[in-house]
Amino acid sequence: MIRKVIQMRISRFLSLALLILVIPAALFAQFGVSITIAPPALPVYEQPMAPAEGYIWTPGYWANGEEGYFWVPGTWVMAPEPGLLWTPGYWGWGGNAYAWNEGYWGAQVGFYGGVNYGFGYGGEGYGGGYWNNGAFYYNRSVNNINVTNIHNVYNKTVINNTTYNHVSYNGGRGGINARPTAAQETASHERHTPATSMQTEHVHAASGNRALLASVNHGRPAIAATAKPGEFSGRGVVAARHAGAAYKAPASKPSENKAAANRVAAPHANEKMAAGNKPPAATRSNEKKASENRAAATRANENKAAENKAAATRSNEKKASENRAVATRANENKAAENKAAATRSNQNKAAENRAAVTRARENKASAPKQARSPSESRPTAAHAQPAPHPSNTAHAQPAQRQQAAPRPEARPVTAAHAQPAPRPAKAAPKSEERPRQ
C-alpha cells in the first residue's frame, strides 16, 4: 500500500514537472512568459544611425530570463520582405501576472500595449516611415538618417497623445491603460511573420550579457541600442543616458518568481492545449525550419539566377561571336566580289580602249591613202597638156593654180614641171591687165 502511494506521488511529481517544462513553451507563441513583477522603466537613449536603406527600427525592451529582467537593445533590422512593418512586443497584466506578448511583422502595425517606445512608436501605430513601391521612406523627424546614403526621406511631425513616462507595460499597478482599437484588432488577426533569425540571435546574445541585467545596470544599460542586430561593440553601439525611473530591486528571487509564474500560467496553458494549440517548442521549431527553408529557397533562387545570368551571358557572347564571324565572311565575300567585278570592269575597259586605239590608227592610216588618190591623177593631165601647146600652157597655168589652191599636196608636183617654162616671159602679168583697160 505504501509502495503504491509512493508510486502515485512520484507519478504526480513527474506530471507536474512535465507541466512546468511545457507551460513556458506553450505560452511563448502568444504570451512568451509570465511574471508577477513588473518590468523596469524604459531607459532614455538615442537612436544610432540607420545603416542602409530597407532597415526598419525595432525598439529595445525588457525581457525576462533565469536571472530576472535583461535589456534587449533596440536595433535596425532588415525587413523580411518589402511591405512588412514591425509591431513591437509588450508586457501586459493578465489579472494575476505580467505576460509577454511577442512582436511580429505584418502589413499593418497592430496593438503593442500603448507603450511609448519612441522613434515613431508613440504607443499607437508607427510614424517612422512607410513603404512605397518596394522602397521604405524614412521620417527624419523621428529617425536618425544619413541623407547622403539614404535618399527616401521626408519630414513630418509626429504628435503623441500618449503620456511619455517611460512605463514599459500595459495594465496592472502603475501600467498604461490602453486597449486595442478595431483596426488594431483586425491587424492582430492578419497574416504575421515572426521575428527574423537575426532578431532571435540578437535576443539570445543579450540574454548572455550580464551587463544587460537590470539587477546589474539598475535600469541604465551600457548597450541601449545598436546599428545592427548582435553588434554589441563598435561605433554603432549607443549607451543609455539615464534610467527611465528609479530602479527598484525585486523583493523575491527570480526562481521564486518563476515558480509563481508557472502556477499563474498553468490555467492558460491548459486552456491553450485544450483548444488544440501546438506547444510553442514545436512552433519555434517550425518557425526555425520555415526560416531555414526560406533562406535555402533564397539561396537556391540566387544561385539559379546567377546560373541563368551566366548562361545568358555565354549565349549572348556566343551569338555575338557567330554574328561577327558571319558579318566578317559576308564582308570578305562582298569585298572579293567587288574586287573581281572591278578587275573585270578594268579589263573590259582596257580591251575597249585598246580596240578603240587600234581602230583609230587604222582609220588614220587609211585616210591619207584616200586623200592622195585624186592628186596623183592631176599631174598626169598637167604633163600631157604642155607637150602640144607650150605657149598656151604658160598663160593658162595660173588660172589652174588658183583652182588647185585648196589642195596643197598637188602644188609641188605641178610647180616642179610648170615654173621653168614661164621664167623667160616676164610680161605675162601685163597681158593679164589689158582687159582692165
Protein backbone atom coordinates (compact mmCIF):
# COMPACT_ATOMS: atom_id res chain seq x y z
CA MET A 1 0.00 0.00 0.00
CA ILE A 2 2.78 2.40 0.95
CA ARG A 3 4.65 1.48 -2.19
CA LYS A 4 1.58 2.24 -4.28
CA VAL A 5 1.17 5.64 -2.63
CA ILE A 6 4.82 6.43 -3.29
CA GLN A 7 4.43 5.47 -6.94
CA MET A 8 1.36 7.71 -7.24
CA ARG A 9 3.25 10.63 -5.71
CA ILE A 10 6.20 10.08 -8.00
CA SER A 11 3.84 9.97 -10.97
CA ARG A 12 2.15 13.20 -9.90
CA PHE A 13 5.54 14.85 -9.35
CA LEU A 14 6.73 13.84 -12.80
CA SER A 15 3.48 15.09 -14.32
CA LEU A 16 3.85 18.42 -12.53
CA ALA A 17 7.46 18.71 -13.59
CA LEU A 18 6.48 17.99 -17.17
CA LEU A 19 3.73 20.59 -16.97
CA ILE A 20 6.18 23.16 -15.61
CA LEU A 21 8.51 22.48 -18.53
CA VAL A 22 5.69 22.70 -21.06
CA ILE A 23 3.98 25.83 -19.74
CA PRO A 24 6.55 28.48 -20.77
CA ALA A 25 6.83 26.93 -24.21
CA ALA A 26 3.07 26.71 -24.62
CA LEU A 27 2.66 30.38 -23.86
CA PHE A 28 5.58 31.59 -25.95
CA ALA A 29 3.62 31.88 -29.20
CA GLN A 30 1.23 34.39 -27.68
CA PHE A 31 2.45 35.40 -24.22
CA GLY A 32 6.08 34.24 -24.20
CA VAL A 33 6.46 34.18 -20.40
CA SER A 34 4.53 35.40 -17.37
CA ILE A 35 5.93 37.01 -14.24
CA THR A 36 4.46 38.66 -11.13
CA ILE A 37 6.98 41.51 -11.03
CA ALA A 38 6.55 44.45 -13.39
CA PRO A 39 9.46 45.24 -15.72
CA PRO A 40 11.66 48.33 -15.13
CA ALA A 41 11.02 51.62 -16.88
CA LEU A 42 12.35 52.12 -20.40
CA PRO A 43 15.81 53.74 -20.37
CA VAL A 44 16.47 57.02 -22.18
CA TYR A 45 18.82 56.65 -25.13
CA GLU A 46 19.48 57.99 -28.61
CA GLN A 47 18.91 56.11 -31.83
CA PRO A 48 22.00 55.03 -33.79
CA MET A 49 22.18 55.99 -37.45
CA ALA A 50 20.40 53.72 -39.93
CA PRO A 51 22.99 51.53 -41.70
CA ALA A 52 21.31 51.44 -45.11
CA GLU A 53 18.01 51.53 -46.97
CA GLY A 54 15.48 48.82 -46.14
CA TYR A 55 16.34 48.67 -42.43
CA ILE A 56 13.45 49.30 -40.01
CA TRP A 57 13.84 50.33 -36.39
CA THR A 58 12.85 47.77 -33.73
CA PRO A 59 12.77 49.38 -30.26
CA GLY A 60 14.52 47.94 -27.21
CA TYR A 61 12.59 46.28 -24.39
CA TRP A 62 12.99 44.39 -21.12
CA ALA A 63 12.93 40.61 -21.49
CA ASN A 64 12.91 38.09 -18.65
CA GLY A 65 15.33 35.23 -18.11
CA GLU A 66 16.73 32.94 -15.43
CA GLU A 67 18.27 35.88 -13.56
CA GLY A 68 15.41 38.29 -13.97
CA TYR A 69 14.88 41.12 -16.43
CA PHE A 70 17.56 41.94 -19.01
CA TRP A 71 17.63 44.64 -21.63
CA VAL A 72 17.30 43.74 -25.33
CA PRO A 73 18.91 46.69 -27.18
CA GLY A 74 16.94 48.47 -29.86
CA THR A 75 18.38 47.87 -33.32
CA TRP A 76 17.90 48.38 -37.05
CA VAL A 77 16.61 45.21 -38.74
CA MET A 78 16.23 44.38 -42.43
CA ALA A 79 12.56 43.64 -43.11
CA PRO A 80 11.88 40.01 -44.15
CA GLU A 81 10.24 41.32 -47.30
CA PRO A 82 9.15 44.69 -48.70
CA GLY A 83 5.86 45.98 -47.35
CA LEU A 84 6.19 44.50 -43.85
CA LEU A 85 6.23 46.63 -40.70
CA TRP A 86 7.26 45.68 -37.17
CA THR A 87 4.76 45.54 -34.30
CA PRO A 88 6.78 45.60 -31.04
CA GLY A 89 6.08 43.15 -28.25
CA TYR A 90 4.88 44.35 -24.87
CA TRP A 91 4.24 43.26 -21.28
CA GLY A 92 0.55 43.09 -20.31
CA TRP A 93 -1.17 42.43 -17.00
CA GLY A 94 -3.41 39.37 -17.17
CA GLY A 95 -5.16 39.67 -13.84
CA ASN A 96 -2.58 37.86 -11.72
CA ALA A 97 0.70 38.12 -13.69
CA TYR A 98 2.50 40.03 -16.40
CA ALA A 99 2.61 38.19 -19.71
CA TRP A 100 4.92 38.97 -22.61
CA ASN A 101 3.20 39.41 -25.99
CA GLU A 102 5.60 38.67 -28.84
CA GLY A 103 6.23 41.19 -31.61
CA TYR A 104 5.69 40.30 -35.26
CA TRP A 105 6.00 41.51 -38.85
CA GLY A 106 2.85 42.36 -40.77
CA ALA A 107 1.33 44.62 -43.39
CA GLN A 108 -0.14 46.81 -40.62
CA VAL A 109 1.18 47.79 -37.20
CA GLY A 110 -1.02 46.23 -34.55
CA PHE A 111 -1.53 46.82 -30.84
CA TYR A 112 1.61 46.99 -28.66
CA GLY A 113 0.06 47.89 -25.32
CA GLY A 114 0.12 51.65 -25.76
CA VAL A 115 3.78 51.64 -24.72
CA ASN A 116 5.67 54.68 -25.97
CA TYR A 117 8.89 53.12 -27.22
CA GLY A 118 9.85 56.30 -29.07
CA PHE A 119 11.36 56.77 -32.54
CA GLY A 120 7.98 56.55 -34.28
CA TYR A 121 6.41 54.02 -31.89
CA GLY A 122 4.42 56.51 -29.81
CA GLY A 123 2.01 53.98 -28.32
CA GLU A 124 -0.26 53.60 -31.33
CA GLY A 125 0.71 52.91 -34.94
CA TYR A 126 4.07 53.83 -36.44
CA GLY A 127 5.13 57.30 -37.55
CA GLY A 128 8.69 56.44 -38.52
CA GLY A 129 8.07 55.72 -42.19
CA TYR A 130 6.10 53.85 -44.83
CA TRP A 131 6.55 51.59 -47.85
CA ASN A 132 6.02 52.87 -51.37
CA ASN A 133 6.60 50.72 -54.48
CA GLY A 134 9.02 48.43 -52.69
CA ALA A 135 11.06 51.24 -51.10
CA PHE A 136 10.87 52.38 -47.50
CA TYR A 137 10.60 56.12 -46.85
CA TYR A 138 12.00 57.42 -43.53
CA ASN A 139 10.59 60.23 -41.41
CA ARG A 140 13.62 62.30 -40.43
CA SER A 141 11.77 63.92 -37.53
CA VAL A 142 11.87 60.63 -35.54
CA ASN A 143 14.71 58.69 -37.21
CA ASN A 144 18.47 59.20 -37.33
CA ILE A 145 19.12 59.10 -41.09
CA ASN A 146 22.20 59.95 -43.16
CA VAL A 147 20.69 61.63 -46.21
CA THR A 148 23.94 61.15 -48.11
CA ASN A 149 23.36 57.39 -48.22
CA ILE A 150 19.57 57.27 -47.89
CA HIS A 151 17.51 59.49 -50.17
CA ASN A 152 13.98 58.22 -49.45
CA VAL A 153 13.26 60.66 -46.63
CA TYR A 154 10.60 63.15 -45.58
CA ASN A 155 9.81 65.34 -42.57
CA LYS A 156 6.58 65.06 -40.63
CA THR A 157 5.98 65.99 -37.02
CA VAL A 158 4.60 63.07 -35.00
CA ILE A 159 2.09 64.04 -32.33
CA ASN A 160 1.76 61.54 -29.50
CA ASN A 161 -1.38 61.53 -27.38
CA THR A 162 0.30 59.09 -25.00
CA THR A 163 1.96 60.47 -21.90
CA TYR A 164 5.66 59.78 -22.21
CA ASN A 165 6.56 58.44 -18.76
CA HIS A 166 8.84 55.54 -19.79
CA VAL A 167 6.39 52.92 -18.47
CA SER A 168 7.17 49.62 -20.19
CA TYR A 169 4.00 47.60 -19.58
CA ASN A 170 0.23 47.68 -20.06
CA GLY A 171 -2.30 47.30 -17.25
CA GLY A 172 -1.71 46.37 -13.66
CA ARG A 173 -0.46 48.66 -10.95
CA GLY A 174 1.16 51.75 -12.50
CA GLY A 175 0.78 50.36 -16.04
CA ILE A 176 -0.56 52.02 -19.17
CA ASN A 177 -4.33 51.91 -19.53
CA ALA A 178 -4.80 51.26 -23.27
CA ARG A 179 -6.98 48.90 -25.26
CA PRO A 180 -6.68 47.87 -28.90
CA THR A 181 -8.78 49.71 -31.47
CA ALA A 182 -10.92 47.96 -34.07
CA ALA A 183 -8.20 48.45 -36.69
CA GLN A 184 -5.58 47.01 -34.33
CA GLU A 185 -7.79 44.05 -33.58
CA THR A 186 -8.12 43.44 -37.31
CA ALA A 187 -4.35 43.71 -37.75
CA SER A 188 -3.81 41.16 -34.98
CA HIS A 189 -5.78 38.55 -36.98
CA GLU A 190 -3.95 39.14 -40.27
CA ARG A 191 -1.08 37.03 -41.55
CA HIS A 192 2.00 37.58 -39.40
CA THR A 193 5.68 36.81 -39.90
CA PRO A 194 7.66 36.02 -36.74
CA ALA A 195 10.90 37.70 -35.77
CA THR A 196 13.76 37.01 -38.15
CA SER A 197 16.67 34.76 -37.26
CA MET A 198 18.83 37.87 -36.81
CA GLN A 199 16.37 39.20 -34.23
CA THR A 200 16.30 35.87 -32.42
CA GLU A 201 20.10 35.75 -32.27
CA HIS A 202 20.09 39.35 -31.07
CA VAL A 203 17.86 38.41 -28.09
CA HIS A 204 19.97 35.33 -27.36
CA ALA A 205 23.17 37.40 -27.32
CA ALA A 206 21.55 39.93 -24.97
CA SER A 207 20.44 37.18 -22.57
CA GLY A 208 24.05 36.04 -22.17
CA ASN A 209 25.45 39.52 -21.46
CA ARG A 210 25.41 40.13 -17.71
CA ALA A 211 25.91 43.87 -18.21
CA LEU A 212 22.39 43.98 -19.63
CA LEU A 213 20.76 42.52 -16.49
CA ALA A 214 18.54 45.04 -14.72
CA SER A 215 19.99 43.88 -11.41
CA VAL A 216 23.43 44.92 -12.69
CA ASN A 217 22.77 48.12 -14.65
CA HIS A 218 19.80 49.30 -12.49
CA GLY A 219 17.75 50.28 -15.49
CA ARG A 220 20.59 52.07 -17.33
CA PRO A 221 22.18 49.56 -19.76
CA ALA A 222 25.57 50.36 -21.29
CA ILE A 223 24.31 48.91 -24.58
CA ALA A 224 20.95 50.57 -25.09
CA ALA A 225 20.88 50.37 -28.90
CA THR A 226 22.93 49.02 -31.80
CA ALA A 227 23.15 49.80 -35.50
CA LYS A 228 22.70 46.14 -36.47
CA PRO A 229 21.47 43.04 -34.64
CA GLY A 230 24.06 41.30 -32.45
CA GLU A 231 26.72 44.01 -32.81
CA PHE A 232 27.35 44.86 -29.15
CA SER A 233 30.63 46.69 -29.74
CA GLY A 234 31.92 49.33 -32.10
CA ARG A 235 30.79 52.71 -33.32
CA GLY A 236 27.17 51.64 -33.77
CA VAL A 237 26.64 51.00 -30.03
CA VAL A 238 24.76 53.63 -28.01
CA ALA A 239 24.64 53.69 -24.20
CA ALA A 240 21.64 54.81 -22.19
CA ARG A 241 21.82 58.39 -20.96
CA HIS A 242 19.89 57.55 -17.81
CA ALA A 243 17.26 55.19 -16.45
CA GLY A 244 13.63 55.94 -17.17
CA ALA A 245 12.81 55.83 -13.46
CA ALA A 246 14.39 54.89 -10.18
CA TYR A 247 15.20 51.21 -10.17
CA LYS A 248 13.51 49.01 -7.58
CA ALA A 249 15.06 45.65 -6.90
CA PRO A 250 12.58 42.76 -6.83
CA ALA A 251 11.54 41.59 -3.37
CA SER A 252 11.72 37.91 -4.29
CA LYS A 253 14.30 35.83 -6.06
CA PRO A 254 13.99 35.06 -9.78
CA SER A 255 13.48 31.36 -9.02
CA GLU A 256 10.53 32.17 -6.76
CA ASN A 257 9.12 34.48 -9.42
CA LYS A 258 9.44 31.73 -11.98
CA ALA A 259 7.60 29.22 -9.78
CA ALA A 260 4.83 31.74 -9.16
CA ALA A 261 4.68 32.50 -12.84
CA ASN A 262 4.35 28.83 -13.64
CA ARG A 263 1.48 28.46 -11.18
CA VAL A 264 -0.25 31.50 -12.65
CA ALA A 265 0.35 30.43 -16.22
CA ALA A 266 -0.82 26.85 -15.72
CA PRO A 267 -4.53 27.57 -16.35
CA HIS A 268 -3.68 29.49 -19.51
CA ALA A 269 -1.51 26.63 -20.70
CA ASN A 270 -4.26 24.10 -20.08
CA GLU A 271 -6.75 26.26 -21.96
CA LYS A 272 -4.43 26.64 -24.94
CA MET A 273 -3.59 22.93 -25.03
CA ALA A 274 -7.27 22.05 -24.70
CA ALA A 275 -8.02 24.32 -27.64
CA GLY A 276 -5.64 22.21 -29.70
CA ASN A 277 -2.75 24.65 -29.95
CA LYS A 278 0.63 23.11 -30.58
CA PRO A 279 3.34 23.51 -27.94
CA PRO A 280 5.46 26.58 -28.68
CA ALA A 281 8.55 24.40 -28.81
CA ALA A 282 7.09 22.88 -31.94
CA THR A 283 6.09 26.36 -33.07
CA ARG A 284 9.64 27.63 -32.64
CA SER A 285 10.94 24.54 -34.40
CA ASN A 286 8.52 25.12 -37.26
CA GLU A 287 9.40 28.81 -37.39
CA LYS A 288 13.10 27.96 -37.41
CA LYS A 289 12.53 25.34 -40.08
CA ALA A 290 10.43 27.77 -42.10
CA SER A 291 13.15 30.40 -41.75
CA GLU A 292 15.79 27.90 -42.85
CA ASN A 293 13.60 26.84 -45.77
CA ARG A 294 13.14 30.47 -46.80
CA ALA A 295 16.87 31.06 -46.54
CA ALA A 296 17.57 27.90 -48.55
CA ALA A 297 14.98 28.89 -51.14
CA THR A 298 16.51 32.37 -51.33
CA ARG A 299 19.99 30.94 -51.84
CA ALA A 300 18.65 28.48 -54.42
CA ASN A 301 16.90 31.29 -56.28
CA GLU A 302 20.04 33.44 -56.13
CA ASN A 303 22.17 30.54 -57.42
CA LYS A 304 19.66 29.79 -60.14
CA ALA A 305 19.51 33.44 -61.12
CA ALA A 306 23.30 33.60 -61.23
CA GLU A 307 23.45 30.44 -63.35
CA ASN A 308 20.76 31.78 -65.70
CA LYS A 309 22.59 35.07 -65.96
CA ALA A 310 25.89 33.31 -66.70
CA ALA A 311 24.21 31.05 -69.27
CA ALA A 312 22.53 34.05 -70.89
CA THR A 313 25.86 35.88 -70.94
CA ARG A 314 27.60 32.92 -72.57
CA SER A 315 24.77 32.53 -75.08
CA ASN A 316 24.89 36.22 -75.94
CA GLU A 317 28.68 36.14 -76.28
CA LYS A 318 28.50 33.04 -78.48
CA LYS A 319 25.74 34.56 -80.58
CA ALA A 320 27.66 37.83 -80.88
CA SER A 321 30.79 35.90 -81.92
CA GLU A 322 28.82 33.96 -84.53
CA ASN A 323 27.25 37.18 -85.81
CA ARG A 324 30.67 38.80 -86.05
CA ALA A 325 32.03 35.75 -87.92
CA VAL A 326 29.07 35.76 -90.32
CA ALA A 327 29.46 39.50 -90.84
CA THR A 328 33.20 39.08 -91.43
CA ARG A 329 32.64 36.33 -94.01
CA ALA A 330 29.93 38.37 -95.70
CA ASN A 331 32.21 41.41 -95.84
CA GLU A 332 35.09 39.31 -97.19
CA ASN A 333 32.83 37.73 -99.84
CA LYS A 334 31.46 41.12 -100.80
CA ALA A 335 34.95 42.61 -100.96
CA ALA A 336 36.11 39.69 -103.16
CA GLU A 337 33.12 40.10 -105.44
CA ASN A 338 33.66 43.86 -105.66
CA LYS A 339 37.36 43.30 -106.39
CA ALA A 340 36.58 40.72 -109.09
CA ALA A 341 33.93 42.98 -110.61
CA ALA A 342 36.35 45.92 -110.58
CA THR A 343 39.04 43.74 -112.18
CA ARG A 344 36.66 42.59 -114.91
CA SER A 345 35.49 46.15 -115.48
CA ASN A 346 39.08 47.38 -115.75
CA GLN A 347 39.99 44.57 -118.12
CA ASN A 348 36.92 45.25 -120.29
CA LYS A 349 37.66 48.95 -120.31
CA ALA A 350 41.32 48.35 -121.20
CA ALA A 351 40.29 46.00 -124.01
CA GLU A 352 37.80 48.55 -125.27
CA ASN A 353 40.45 51.29 -125.12
CA ARG A 354 42.95 49.14 -127.00
CA ALA A 355 40.34 48.27 -129.63
CA ALA A 356 39.42 51.95 -129.94
CA VAL A 357 43.09 52.94 -130.35
CA THR A 358 43.60 50.21 -132.93
CA ARG A 359 40.56 51.35 -134.94
CA ALA A 360 41.68 54.98 -134.71
CA ARG A 361 45.12 54.10 -136.02
CA GLU A 362 43.68 52.02 -138.83
CA ASN A 363 41.30 54.84 -139.80
CA LYS A 364 44.11 57.38 -139.67
CA ALA A 365 46.35 55.20 -141.81
CA SER A 366 43.66 54.70 -144.45
CA ALA A 367 42.73 58.43 -144.62
CA PRO A 368 45.99 59.71 -146.34
CA LYS A 369 45.79 57.00 -148.93
CA GLN A 370 42.32 58.13 -149.96
CA ALA A 371 43.43 61.77 -149.98
CA ARG A 372 46.42 61.12 -152.32
CA SER A 373 44.45 59.24 -154.96
CA PRO A 374 42.87 62.37 -156.67
CA SER A 375 46.11 64.39 -156.54
CA GLU A 376 48.08 61.67 -158.23
CA SER A 377 45.79 61.78 -161.31
CA ARG A 378 46.03 65.59 -161.81
CA PRO A 379 49.76 65.80 -162.55
CA THR A 380 49.28 63.26 -165.25
CA ALA A 381 46.93 65.63 -167.03
CA ALA A 382 49.25 68.57 -166.44
CA HIS A 383 52.15 66.77 -168.10
CA ALA A 384 50.04 65.89 -171.07
CA GLN A 385 48.92 69.45 -171.89
CA PRO A 386 52.24 71.31 -172.30
CA ALA A 387 53.53 68.94 -174.92
CA PRO A 388 51.49 70.18 -177.87
CA HIS A 389 50.97 73.85 -176.70
CA PRO A 390 53.89 75.28 -174.72
CA SER A 391 52.83 78.94 -175.29
CA ASN A 392 49.22 78.45 -174.26
CA THR A 393 50.20 76.50 -171.20
CA ALA A 394 52.22 79.44 -169.91
CA HIS A 395 49.11 81.66 -169.90
CA ALA A 396 46.65 79.02 -168.78
CA GLN A 397 48.52 77.57 -165.79
CA PRO A 398 47.97 80.47 -163.40
CA ALA A 399 44.20 80.02 -163.61
CA GLN A 400 44.55 76.33 -162.89
CA ARG A 401 46.79 77.04 -159.87
CA GLN A 402 44.08 79.13 -158.24
CA GLN A 403 41.61 76.26 -158.55
CA ALA A 404 44.09 73.77 -157.08
CA ALA A 405 44.92 76.02 -154.09
CA PRO A 406 42.77 74.13 -151.64
CA ARG A 407 44.91 71.05 -152.28
CA PRO A 408 48.47 71.91 -151.31
CA GLU A 409 49.70 68.39 -151.68
CA ALA A 410 49.41 68.70 -155.51
CA ARG A 411 51.37 72.03 -155.84
CA PRO A 412 54.88 70.66 -155.56
CA VAL A 413 54.27 68.30 -158.38
CA THR A 414 52.71 70.97 -160.67
CA ALA A 415 55.22 73.64 -159.73
CA ALA A 416 58.12 71.35 -160.37
CA HIS A 417 57.08 70.97 -164.03
CA ALA A 418 55.37 74.32 -164.69
CA GLN A 419 57.68 77.03 -163.24
CA PRO A 420 60.68 76.58 -165.58
CA ALA A 421 58.56 77.31 -168.59
CA PRO A 422 57.35 80.87 -167.83
CA ARG A 423 60.64 82.22 -166.41
CA PRO A 424 61.82 83.86 -169.73
CA ALA A 425 58.47 85.56 -170.25
CA LYS A 426 58.17 88.18 -167.53
CA ALA A 427 55.47 90.17 -169.36
CA ALA A 428 52.77 87.66 -168.64
CA PRO A 429 51.27 89.70 -165.81
CA LYS A 430 50.89 92.70 -168.06
CA SER A 431 48.95 90.77 -170.59
CA GLU A 432 46.51 89.93 -167.82
CA GLU A 433 45.96 93.69 -167.09
CA ARG A 434 44.90 94.56 -170.61
CA PRO A 435 41.31 93.59 -170.32
CA ARG A 436 41.00 96.00 -167.34
CA GLN A 437 41.82 98.98 -169.66
